[in-house]
Protein backbone atom coordinates (compact mmCIF):
# COMPACT_ATOMS: atom_id res chain seq x y z
CA MET A 1 17.36 -15.00 -14.28
CA ILE A 2 14.00 -13.58 -15.27
CA PHE A 3 13.83 -11.43 -12.14
CA HIS A 4 17.13 -9.73 -12.91
CA ARG A 5 15.87 -8.88 -16.40
CA ILE A 6 12.63 -7.50 -14.99
CA CYS A 7 14.45 -5.47 -12.38
CA GLY A 8 16.81 -4.15 -15.01
CA ILE A 9 13.84 -2.70 -16.86
CA LEU A 10 11.90 -1.40 -13.89
CA LEU A 11 14.45 -0.53 -11.25
CA LYS A 12 17.37 1.81 -11.39
CA LYS A 13 19.26 2.89 -8.32
CA GLN A 14 18.79 6.60 -8.95
CA GLU A 15 15.06 6.09 -9.56
CA ILE A 16 14.59 4.22 -6.29
CA ALA A 17 16.56 6.80 -4.34
CA GLY A 18 14.49 9.70 -5.68
CA TYR A 19 13.95 12.81 -3.56
CA PHE A 20 11.29 13.92 -1.12
CA ILE A 21 8.64 16.36 -2.28
CA LEU A 22 5.08 17.05 -1.23
CA GLY A 23 2.34 14.78 -2.42
CA LYS A 24 4.15 11.52 -3.00
CA VAL A 25 1.65 8.75 -3.70
CA ILE A 26 2.59 5.19 -2.70
CA THR A 27 0.50 2.11 -3.44
CA VAL A 28 0.96 -0.94 -1.23
CA ALA A 29 0.35 -3.75 -3.66
CA ASN A 30 0.58 -7.49 -4.09
CA GLN A 31 -1.92 -9.54 -6.05
CA LYS A 32 -1.33 -12.40 -3.64
CA GLY A 33 -3.57 -12.28 -0.57
CA GLY A 34 -2.48 -12.83 3.00
CA VAL A 35 0.89 -11.07 2.74
CA ALA A 36 0.12 -8.28 5.27
CA LYS A 37 -0.59 -5.72 2.58
CA THR A 38 -3.39 -3.97 4.47
CA THR A 39 -1.52 -4.36 7.76
CA THR A 40 1.43 -2.58 6.16
CA ALA A 41 -0.75 0.20 4.73
CA ILE A 42 -2.36 0.84 8.13
CA ASN A 43 0.78 0.71 10.22
CA LEU A 44 3.08 2.49 7.78
CA SER A 45 0.64 5.39 7.43
CA ALA A 46 0.36 5.65 11.23
CA ALA A 47 4.13 5.55 11.67
CA LEU A 48 4.63 8.26 9.04
CA GLY A 49 2.01 10.40 10.77
CA HIS A 50 3.75 9.84 14.09
CA MET A 51 6.95 11.15 12.44
CA GLY A 52 5.16 14.40 11.61
CA LYS A 53 4.22 13.72 7.98
CA ARG A 54 0.77 14.70 6.79
CA VAL A 55 -0.64 11.40 5.59
CA LEU A 56 -3.74 10.30 3.72
CA LEU A 57 -4.62 6.61 3.63
CA VAL A 58 -6.87 5.69 0.70
CA ASP A 59 -8.78 2.44 1.19
CA SER A 60 -9.46 1.02 -2.28
CA ASP A 61 -10.37 -2.50 -1.17
CA PRO A 62 -14.11 -3.32 -1.06
CA GLN A 63 -13.46 -5.33 2.11
CA GLY A 64 -12.67 -2.01 3.82
CA ASN A 65 -10.10 -3.53 6.16
CA SER A 66 -7.96 -0.40 6.30
CA THR A 67 -11.08 1.51 7.25
CA THR A 68 -11.83 -0.97 10.03
CA GLY A 69 -8.19 -0.92 11.12
CA TYR A 70 -8.56 2.79 11.84
CA GLY A 71 -11.56 2.24 14.08
CA ILE A 72 -14.50 2.61 11.68
CA ARG A 73 -16.59 -0.50 12.41
CA ALA A 74 -19.32 -2.05 10.28
CA ALA A 75 -22.00 -0.01 12.04
CA ASP A 76 -19.99 3.16 11.54
CA LYS A 77 -19.50 2.42 7.83
CA LYS A 78 -23.25 2.58 7.35
CA GLN A 79 -23.13 6.19 8.52
CA LEU A 80 -20.52 7.22 5.95
CA SER A 81 -22.10 9.53 3.39
CA LEU A 82 -19.20 9.42 0.92
CA THR A 83 -16.43 6.88 0.34
CA THR A 84 -13.71 5.91 -2.14
CA TYR A 85 -16.46 4.50 -4.35
CA ASP A 86 -18.06 7.93 -4.81
CA VAL A 87 -14.67 9.47 -5.59
CA ILE A 88 -13.65 6.86 -8.16
CA MET A 89 -17.04 7.02 -9.86
CA GLY A 90 -16.76 10.82 -10.10
CA GLN A 91 -19.77 11.39 -7.88
CA ALA A 92 -17.87 13.34 -5.21
CA ARG A 93 -14.73 15.41 -4.84
CA PRO A 94 -12.01 13.58 -2.88
CA ALA A 95 -11.95 16.20 -0.13
CA GLU A 96 -15.61 15.49 0.57
CA ALA A 97 -14.96 11.80 1.25
CA ILE A 98 -11.96 12.22 3.55
CA VAL A 99 -12.42 11.77 7.30
CA GLN A 100 -10.00 12.67 10.06
CA THR A 101 -8.78 9.83 12.23
CA LYS A 102 -8.00 10.18 15.92
CA PHE A 103 -4.38 9.29 15.19
CA GLU A 104 -1.65 11.85 14.70
CA ASN A 105 -1.55 13.50 11.24
CA VAL A 106 -3.48 10.70 9.49
CA SER A 107 -6.60 11.21 7.37
CA LEU A 108 -8.59 8.44 5.72
CA MET A 109 -10.62 7.97 2.57
CA PRO A 110 -12.78 5.04 3.73
CA ALA A 111 -14.18 2.14 1.73
CA THR A 112 -17.21 -0.10 2.05
CA GLY A 113 -18.51 -3.12 0.18
CA GLU A 114 -20.17 -0.76 -2.30
CA LEU A 115 -16.75 -0.32 -3.90
CA ALA A 116 -17.07 -3.80 -5.42
CA GLU A 117 -19.62 -2.36 -7.87
CA ALA A 118 -16.91 -0.15 -9.32
CA GLU A 119 -15.17 -3.19 -10.86
CA ILE A 120 -18.14 -3.59 -13.20
CA ARG A 121 -19.27 0.00 -13.61
CA LEU A 122 -15.79 1.30 -14.45
CA LEU A 123 -15.66 -0.93 -17.52
CA LYS A 124 -18.02 1.53 -19.22
CA PHE A 125 -15.65 4.46 -18.64
CA GLU A 126 -13.38 5.55 -21.47
CA GLN A 127 -10.53 6.18 -18.99
CA LYS A 128 -11.48 3.39 -16.62
CA THR A 129 -7.99 2.98 -15.10
CA LEU A 130 -7.39 6.71 -14.54
CA GLN A 131 -10.30 7.63 -12.29
CA LEU A 132 -8.38 7.51 -9.01
CA ARG A 133 -5.37 9.27 -10.52
CA LYS A 134 -7.54 12.20 -11.67
CA ALA A 135 -9.17 12.41 -8.25
CA LEU A 136 -5.96 12.40 -6.23
CA LEU A 137 -4.43 15.11 -8.39
CA GLN A 138 -7.00 17.46 -6.82
CA ILE A 139 -5.61 16.94 -3.29
CA LYS A 140 -2.12 15.57 -3.85
CA ASP A 141 -0.24 18.62 -2.60
CA GLU A 142 -2.25 18.85 0.61
CA TYR A 143 -0.37 15.84 2.01
CA ASP A 144 3.23 14.82 2.35
CA ILE A 145 2.45 11.21 1.56
CA ILE A 146 -0.64 9.43 0.27
CA ILE A 147 -0.76 5.68 0.92
CA ILE A 148 -3.14 3.54 -1.15
CA ASP A 149 -4.24 0.15 0.11
CA THR A 150 -5.38 -2.00 -2.77
CA LEU A 151 -7.16 -5.31 -3.09
CA PRO A 152 -5.31 -8.57 -3.88
CA SER A 153 -6.14 -8.74 -7.57
CA LEU A 154 -5.19 -7.16 -10.88
CA GLY A 155 -8.67 -5.98 -11.86
CA VAL A 156 -9.80 -2.47 -12.80
CA LEU A 157 -9.69 -1.18 -9.22
CA ALA A 158 -6.15 -2.44 -8.70
CA LEU A 159 -5.05 -0.94 -12.03
CA ASN A 160 -6.48 2.40 -10.87
CA THR A 161 -4.17 2.33 -7.86
CA LEU A 162 -1.13 1.52 -10.02
CA ALA A 163 -1.98 4.34 -12.42
CA ALA A 164 -2.50 6.79 -9.54
CA CYS A 165 0.77 6.33 -7.65
CA ASP A 166 4.36 7.48 -7.99
CA SER A 167 5.82 4.32 -6.50
CA LEU A 168 5.03 0.91 -5.07
CA ILE A 169 5.79 -0.90 -1.86
CA ILE A 170 5.45 -4.65 -2.28
CA PRO A 171 4.89 -6.66 0.92
CA MET A 172 6.27 -10.17 0.48
CA GLN A 173 5.64 -13.04 2.83
CA CYS A 174 8.58 -15.43 3.06
CA GLU A 175 6.93 -18.53 1.69
CA PRO A 176 7.62 -20.64 -1.42
CA TYR A 177 5.06 -19.06 -3.77
CA SER A 178 6.17 -15.47 -3.16
CA LEU A 179 8.44 -15.19 -6.20
CA GLU A 180 5.77 -16.45 -8.57
CA GLY A 181 3.27 -13.86 -7.37
CA VAL A 182 5.75 -10.99 -7.58
CA ALA A 183 6.81 -11.99 -11.10
CA GLU A 184 3.18 -11.66 -12.21
CA LEU A 185 2.88 -8.30 -10.46
CA PHE A 186 6.04 -7.01 -12.19
CA ALA A 187 4.61 -8.02 -15.56
CA THR A 188 1.50 -5.98 -14.78
CA ILE A 189 3.64 -3.03 -13.71
CA LYS A 190 5.40 -3.10 -17.07
CA ARG A 191 2.05 -2.93 -18.86
CA VAL A 192 0.87 -0.04 -16.67
CA LYS A 193 4.11 1.87 -17.33
CA LYS A 194 3.51 1.57 -21.05
CA SER A 195 -0.17 2.46 -21.01
CA ALA A 196 -1.13 4.62 -18.03
CA ASN A 197 1.76 5.63 -15.76
CA LYS A 198 5.17 5.97 -17.38
CA SER A 199 6.77 7.32 -14.18
CA LEU A 200 5.72 4.36 -11.99
CA GLN A 201 8.64 3.04 -9.92
CA ILE A 202 9.15 0.44 -7.22
CA LEU A 203 10.13 1.94 -3.90
CA GLY A 204 10.95 -1.43 -2.40
CA ILE A 205 10.01 -4.92 -1.31
CA VAL A 206 9.39 -5.47 2.39
CA PHE A 207 9.51 -8.89 4.04
CA THR A 208 6.44 -9.42 6.24
CA MET A 209 5.41 -11.99 8.85
CA THR A 210 9.01 -13.10 9.20
CA ASP A 211 10.06 -15.81 11.64
CA LYS A 212 13.71 -16.69 11.28
CA ARG A 213 13.26 -19.69 13.53
CA LEU A 214 11.64 -21.39 10.55
CA MET A 215 14.06 -22.86 8.03
CA VAL A 216 11.69 -22.27 5.13
CA ASN A 217 11.54 -18.59 6.11
CA ARG A 218 15.31 -18.26 6.02
CA GLU A 219 15.62 -20.16 2.75
CA VAL A 220 13.00 -18.08 0.94
CA MET A 221 14.53 -14.80 2.16
CA LYS A 222 17.94 -15.96 0.96
CA LYS A 223 16.56 -16.89 -2.44
CA ILE A 224 14.69 -13.60 -2.85
CA ARG A 225 17.80 -11.61 -1.94
CA LYS A 226 19.65 -13.45 -4.71
CA GLU A 227 16.92 -12.73 -7.25
CA PHE A 228 16.58 -8.99 -6.61
CA PRO A 229 19.11 -6.14 -6.38
CA GLU A 230 20.10 -5.32 -2.80
CA ASP A 231 18.70 -1.80 -2.88
CA VAL A 232 15.26 -3.03 -3.94
CA ILE A 233 14.65 -4.78 -0.62
CA PHE A 234 14.01 -2.74 2.53
CA LYS A 235 16.42 -3.48 5.36
CA THR A 236 13.53 -3.49 7.83
CA GLU A 237 11.69 -6.78 8.20
CA ILE A 238 8.23 -7.00 9.74
CA PRO A 239 8.05 -9.86 12.26
CA ARG A 240 5.15 -12.21 12.73
CA GLY A 241 3.47 -11.24 15.99
CA VAL A 242 0.27 -11.67 17.96
CA ARG A 243 0.11 -7.97 18.84
CA ILE A 244 0.23 -6.92 15.17
CA ALA A 245 -2.58 -9.38 14.44
CA GLU A 246 -4.67 -8.13 17.38
CA ALA A 247 -4.38 -4.41 16.67
CA PRO A 248 -6.89 -4.16 13.76
CA SER A 249 -9.67 -5.73 15.81
CA HIS A 250 -9.19 -2.89 18.29
CA GLY A 251 -9.24 -0.26 15.54
CA GLU A 252 -5.70 0.90 16.27
CA PRO A 253 -2.38 0.81 14.41
CA ILE A 254 0.25 -1.19 16.27
CA ILE A 255 2.28 1.88 17.29
CA TYR A 256 -0.72 3.00 19.37
CA TYR A 257 -2.07 -0.39 20.39
CA ASP A 258 1.28 -1.60 21.73
CA PRO A 259 3.99 1.05 21.29
CA LYS A 260 6.68 -1.10 22.92
CA SER A 261 6.12 -4.17 20.74
CA LYS A 262 8.53 -5.46 18.13
CA GLY A 263 5.91 -4.79 15.48
CA ALA A 264 5.61 -1.13 16.42
CA ASP A 265 9.38 -0.74 16.35
CA ALA A 266 9.58 -2.44 12.95
CA TYR A 267 6.97 -0.20 11.33
CA LEU A 268 8.60 2.94 12.70
CA LYS A 269 11.90 1.78 11.20
CA LEU A 270 10.20 1.03 7.89
CA ALA A 271 8.66 4.51 7.88
CA LYS A 272 12.10 6.05 8.31
CA GLU A 273 13.42 3.98 5.41
CA VAL A 274 10.49 5.08 3.23
CA VAL A 275 11.14 8.75 3.97
CA ALA A 276 14.83 8.27 3.23
CA ARG A 277 14.05 6.69 -0.15
CA LEU A 278 11.62 9.46 -1.00
């Protein structure tokens, strides 16, 4: 199968296992929208912070949903003097754009709609896909883990996040078109490994918005498990839940919005798996 051949190139057991050092950069990526990518970036970063890790969440999506999910509303965004846009365009040092959140051990590099301009303006840069990588190198060792939330596309901004990270977490919703989207993402990863980030690895695939009461959910999960090596897929599954969906509108990660919910428990378990793999 094509997925086994792709995995054979990109994924080796010893590379996934790795070892934990300071300044590991993880991009949460999937070119397909609506797979809980931003939800995972927000809640995983909060869970890692709750575990005592020093975490930086970098919002690289012009929609700024990770920024909103940490309590910075539209009105507050207007007051931000520096954002991810300024950092990527080389107009500010990364430390200048970072804000402290009210949540344990988590800092944030916020994003606003201005970041959309970077897609066009970066095309004029000689190293257009390496801007974020160069910026994060300045602060990488100040954090245990840096999480990058990226937009659902494979444009210049998304390529910056792939070039900047050590590894990827791929959220996958259990629906029929999931495999097609991931196959396209893996092809892009291969190109990035050749051109901009030879050390890029996949930390794992995480099933999101799962509901095992649905037959299609069970069937897709079964198929995906057949297509990918066992150690590529995280054991933790993120359930579909109203409380997870509500949390961003309140500007809180799920572990603070509803600590006793199934969603909070799932993201804490995922955070432990991530640390173990690092």
